[in-house]
Protein backbone atom coordinates (compact mmCIF):
# COMPACT_ATOMS: atom_id res chain seq x y z
CA MET A 1 -40.02 -49.00 43.54
CA VAL A 2 -38.44 -45.50 43.78
CA GLN A 3 -34.49 -45.07 45.57
CA ALA A 4 -34.33 -41.29 46.77
CA GLY A 5 -30.76 -40.98 48.42
CA ASN A 6 -31.04 -43.37 51.40
CA ALA A 7 -34.97 -43.97 51.41
CA THR A 8 -36.36 -46.63 49.30
CA TYR A 9 -40.78 -46.31 48.94
CA ARG A 10 -42.08 -49.53 47.59
CA ILE A 11 -45.81 -49.46 48.75
CA GLU A 12 -48.37 -47.14 49.77
CA ALA A 13 -47.55 -47.45 53.43
CA ASP A 14 -44.15 -46.12 52.99
CA LEU A 15 -45.58 -42.45 51.63
CA PRO A 16 -47.47 -39.96 53.68
CA ASP A 17 -50.95 -39.15 53.66
CA GLU A 18 -50.60 -35.50 54.81
CA ILE A 19 -47.79 -33.10 53.84
CA PRO A 20 -45.93 -29.85 53.93
CA VAL A 21 -46.01 -28.02 50.43
CA PHE A 22 -44.11 -25.49 48.63
CA PRO A 23 -45.87 -23.54 45.67
CA LEU A 24 -43.65 -22.67 43.32
CA SER A 25 -44.55 -21.64 39.79
CA GLY A 26 -42.92 -22.86 36.17
CA VAL A 27 -40.65 -25.11 38.84
CA LEU A 28 -41.58 -28.82 38.01
CA LEU A 29 -40.40 -31.94 40.11
CA LEU A 30 -41.19 -35.35 38.90
CA PRO A 31 -40.38 -39.34 40.16
CA GLY A 32 -36.95 -40.46 40.14
CA GLY A 33 -35.58 -36.63 38.94
CA GLN A 34 -33.66 -34.05 41.12
CA LEU A 35 -34.88 -30.79 41.47
CA PRO A 36 -32.01 -28.21 43.22
CA LEU A 37 -33.86 -24.90 45.68
CA ASN A 38 -32.52 -22.12 46.94
CA ILE A 39 -34.53 -21.66 50.13
CA PHE A 40 -34.75 -18.30 51.59
CA GLU A 41 -38.19 -17.29 53.30
CA PRO A 42 -38.69 -17.76 56.75
CA ARG A 43 -41.70 -20.02 56.62
CA TYR A 44 -39.65 -22.28 54.04
CA LEU A 45 -37.06 -21.99 56.08
CA LYS A 46 -38.60 -23.60 58.75
CA MET A 47 -40.63 -26.00 56.67
CA ILE A 48 -37.37 -27.29 55.90
CA ASP A 49 -36.38 -27.88 59.62
CA ASP A 50 -39.22 -29.57 59.93
CA ALA A 51 -38.93 -31.95 57.58
CA MET A 52 -35.61 -32.90 57.97
CA ALA A 53 -36.33 -33.66 61.51
CA GLY A 54 -38.97 -35.94 59.89
CA ASP A 55 -39.48 -37.79 56.82
CA ARG A 56 -37.25 -35.46 54.98
CA LEU A 57 -40.29 -35.33 52.53
CA ILE A 58 -41.87 -32.15 50.96
CA GLY A 59 -44.57 -31.51 48.36
CA MET A 60 -43.37 -29.01 44.93
CA ILE A 61 -46.70 -27.59 43.25
CA GLN A 62 -47.28 -24.98 41.33
CA PRO A 63 -50.11 -22.05 42.08
CA ARG A 64 -53.41 -22.74 39.96
CA LEU A 65 -52.47 -21.55 36.18
CA ASP A 66 -55.53 -19.37 36.66
CA GLY A 67 -54.35 -17.08 39.19
CA SER A 68 -56.86 -17.50 41.69
CA LEU A 69 -56.92 -16.93 45.70
CA LYS A 70 -57.93 -17.94 48.62
CA PRO A 71 -59.45 -15.44 51.29
CA THR A 72 -56.17 -15.46 52.68
CA GLY A 73 -54.94 -14.03 49.73
CA GLU A 74 -52.64 -17.23 49.02
CA PRO A 75 -52.66 -18.61 45.64
CA GLU A 76 -55.24 -21.73 45.24
CA LEU A 77 -52.52 -24.70 44.14
CA ALA A 78 -52.91 -26.86 41.37
CA PRO A 79 -54.73 -30.38 41.70
CA ILE A 80 -51.30 -32.31 41.04
CA GLY A 81 -47.90 -31.90 42.23
CA CYS A 82 -44.70 -34.50 43.47
CA LEU A 83 -43.42 -35.52 46.67
CA GLY A 84 -39.68 -35.15 46.68
CA ARG A 85 -37.31 -36.14 49.38
CA ILE A 86 -34.39 -33.83 50.35
CA ILE A 87 -31.50 -35.84 49.92
CA SER A 88 -28.40 -32.97 50.26
CA LEU A 89 -28.58 -29.61 52.31
CA SER A 90 -26.12 -26.83 52.41
CA GLU A 91 -26.02 -23.76 54.44
CA THR A 92 -24.84 -20.74 52.84
CA GLY A 93 -24.07 -18.80 56.02
CA ASP A 94 -26.18 -15.46 54.85
CA GLY A 95 -29.58 -17.73 56.19
CA ARG A 96 -30.07 -19.34 53.09
CA TYR A 97 -30.51 -23.63 52.28
CA ILE A 98 -29.29 -25.13 49.54
CA VAL A 99 -31.58 -28.29 48.84
CA ASN A 100 -31.18 -30.71 46.50
CA LEU A 101 -35.01 -32.80 46.26
CA ALA A 102 -35.55 -36.47 44.92
CA GLY A 103 -38.57 -36.92 43.41
CA VAL A 104 -40.40 -40.02 44.71
CA ALA A 105 -44.51 -40.26 43.38
CA ARG A 106 -46.64 -37.38 42.25
CA PHE A 107 -49.80 -36.81 44.17
CA ARG A 108 -53.14 -35.24 43.81
CA VAL A 109 -54.60 -32.83 46.40
CA ASN A 110 -57.54 -33.72 48.04
CA GLU A 111 -57.68 -30.10 51.18
CA GLU A 112 -55.62 -28.32 52.14
CA LEU A 113 -55.15 -28.07 56.35
CA LYS A 114 -55.79 -25.57 58.78
CA THR A 115 -52.58 -25.36 61.10
CA GLY A 116 -50.38 -23.46 63.21
CA LYS A 117 -47.36 -23.60 61.07
CA PRO A 118 -46.11 -20.78 58.87
CA TYR A 119 -45.85 -23.03 55.92
CA ARG A 120 -49.09 -24.76 53.42
CA ARG A 121 -49.72 -28.13 54.84
CA CYS A 122 -52.33 -30.45 52.19
CA ARG A 123 -54.06 -33.98 52.87
CA ILE A 124 -53.22 -35.93 49.41
CA ALA A 125 -53.73 -39.21 47.62
CA ASN A 126 -50.64 -40.40 45.92
CA PHE A 127 -49.73 -41.80 42.72
CA LEU A 128 -49.10 -45.32 43.52
CA THR A 129 -47.93 -46.27 39.93
CA ASP A 130 -45.68 -44.03 40.38
CA LEU A 131 -43.25 -46.39 42.45
CA GLU A 132 -43.23 -48.60 39.92
CA ALA A 133 -40.19 -48.08 37.86
CA GLY A 134 -39.93 -48.40 35.03
CA ARG A 135 -43.14 -48.67 34.03
CA GLY A 136 -44.83 -47.96 30.74
CA GLU A 137 -40.75 -47.26 29.49
CA GLU A 138 -41.48 -50.10 26.99
CA ASP A 139 -44.19 -47.56 25.29
CA ILE A 140 -41.63 -44.98 24.55
CA ASP A 141 -40.41 -43.71 21.10
CA ARG A 142 -37.04 -43.21 22.13
CA GLU A 143 -35.78 -42.25 19.13
CA GLY A 144 -38.94 -39.57 18.50
CA LEU A 145 -37.98 -38.04 21.56
CA LEU A 146 -33.75 -38.13 20.94
CA SER A 147 -34.25 -36.39 17.43
CA VAL A 148 -36.19 -33.84 18.63
CA PHE A 149 -33.91 -33.26 21.93
CA ARG A 150 -31.05 -32.98 19.33
CA ARG A 151 -32.85 -30.58 17.45
CA TYR A 152 -33.62 -28.19 20.46
CA LEU A 153 -30.36 -28.64 21.33
CA ASP A 154 -29.17 -27.30 17.95
CA VAL A 155 -30.87 -24.61 16.85
CA ASN A 156 -30.58 -22.91 21.01
CA GLY A 157 -26.63 -23.59 20.50
CA LEU A 158 -26.28 -26.47 22.86
CA GLU A 159 -24.55 -29.50 23.77
CA ALA A 160 -25.78 -32.68 25.99
CA ASP A 161 -23.36 -35.59 27.36
CA TRP A 162 -24.39 -37.93 24.32
CA ASP A 163 -22.39 -40.71 26.77
CA SER A 164 -24.65 -40.31 29.72
CA VAL A 165 -28.02 -39.67 27.40
CA ALA A 166 -27.60 -42.98 25.62
CA LYS A 167 -26.61 -45.25 28.98
CA ALA A 168 -29.82 -43.75 30.58
CA SER A 169 -33.70 -45.51 30.78
CA ASN A 170 -36.05 -44.40 28.89
CA GLU A 171 -37.87 -43.29 31.98
CA THR A 172 -35.04 -40.72 33.18
CA LEU A 173 -34.41 -39.23 29.60
CA VAL A 174 -38.55 -38.81 29.66
CA ASN A 175 -38.46 -37.21 33.53
CA ALA A 176 -34.85 -35.35 33.05
CA PHE A 177 -35.87 -33.38 30.06
CA CYS A 178 -39.29 -32.73 31.32
CA ILE A 179 -37.43 -30.83 34.33
CA MET A 180 -34.87 -29.28 32.22
CA SER A 181 -37.29 -27.72 29.61
CA PRO A 182 -37.55 -24.34 29.50
CA TYR A 183 -41.08 -24.00 29.23
CA GLY A 184 -43.79 -22.11 30.99
CA ALA A 185 -45.93 -23.11 33.66
CA ALA A 186 -48.96 -24.33 31.89
CA GLU A 187 -46.88 -26.71 30.00
CA LYS A 188 -44.99 -27.79 33.07
CA GLN A 189 -48.60 -28.84 34.41
CA ALA A 190 -49.42 -30.63 31.58
CA LEU A 191 -46.13 -32.76 32.07
CA ILE A 192 -46.33 -33.48 35.32
CA GLU A 193 -50.29 -34.21 34.56
CA ALA A 194 -49.88 -36.54 32.14
CA ALA A 195 -51.76 -40.22 32.85
CA ASP A 196 -48.57 -42.04 32.04
CA LEU A 197 -45.03 -42.32 30.89
CA LYS A 198 -45.71 -42.33 27.48
CA THR A 199 -48.01 -39.88 27.21
CA ARG A 200 -46.07 -37.52 29.25
CA ALA A 201 -42.92 -38.17 26.42
CA GLU A 202 -45.59 -37.47 23.71
CA THR A 203 -46.71 -33.89 25.37
CA LEU A 204 -43.02 -33.24 25.87
CA ILE A 205 -42.54 -33.53 21.87
CA ALA A 206 -45.45 -31.80 20.87
CA ILE A 207 -44.54 -29.19 23.34
CA THR A 208 -41.31 -28.62 21.65
CA GLU A 209 -42.01 -29.30 18.16
CA ILE A 210 -44.43 -25.88 18.92
CA ALA A 211 -41.47 -24.24 19.85
CA LEU A 212 -39.17 -25.41 17.47
CA ALA A 213 -42.33 -24.23 14.92
CA ARG A 214 -42.34 -20.99 16.60
CA GLU A 215 -38.63 -20.33 16.66
CA GLY A 216 -38.07 -20.70 13.07
CA ASP A 217 -40.64 -18.41 12.46
CA ASP A 218 -38.84 -15.96 14.39
CA ASP A 219 -36.11 -16.26 12.08
CA GLY A 220 -37.39 -16.83 9.68
CA GLU A 221 -36.71 -20.46 8.82
CA THR A 222 -38.99 -23.50 8.87
CA HIS A 223 -37.39 -26.13 10.98
CA THR A 224 -38.88 -29.71 10.20
CA ILE A 225 -39.56 -32.59 12.94
CA GLN A 226 -38.34 -35.39 11.49
C-alpha cells in the first residue's frame, strides 16, 4: 500500500493505464518520495488543470538519454518513469503553479498516444511491486548507506537532520537520498530503473563513491569510503 496525500493505492485497479506525462531531464521521483515543481509552460498548466479535475495523477519521466527526437521534434521518452499524485498546489499570481508531487509507483511506457491535448499522454504498465511498502527493506545495508552519505555531506560542507534520518525507514532513506542527490540524468535514470530497493541503494552508494573519488582527485586528497 502506498499513501499519497489523501489517496491510498493498494492494487492494480487503483492505478491508471493511461496518463499525462511531464518530460523533465535530471529530475527524479520515486515511490514514497516527494517532488516540488514550478509549472509555467501553458501546456503543462493545462495538464495540471486536467489532472486536478480528475485523479490528480501525472507521470514524471526523463527524455531519452541519447537525445533522440520524434518526427515532431519532441524528445523521445525514457522507458521508465514514476507516477505522482498532486498533493498540494498553489497559484503564484503571475501565471505559475507551485505543485508538490508524491510518488506512487514506477511505470514502463508501452505506447505514446495521439490526442488532441497540448501535452503528451502514454499508455503504461505500472510496477505493482512498488505498492508493497517496505518491500526489500531488510536487504538494505543501512550503515553502508549512511556512511557514504555522511562522507558526502562532510566533503561538501553540508548538514543533515540526523534525528529525522534515525527515525526514517530504509525505504524512505534510499528513495529520499536518490531524489535529493545532485547527479545527472544518466545517474537518475539508473536509480529509477534499479530492479529493487536493494539494487537502488547499491547503485546510489556506487555513484556517490565515484563522486567522492572525483572530488578527492580535484582537491588533491584521497577519500576512503568505509
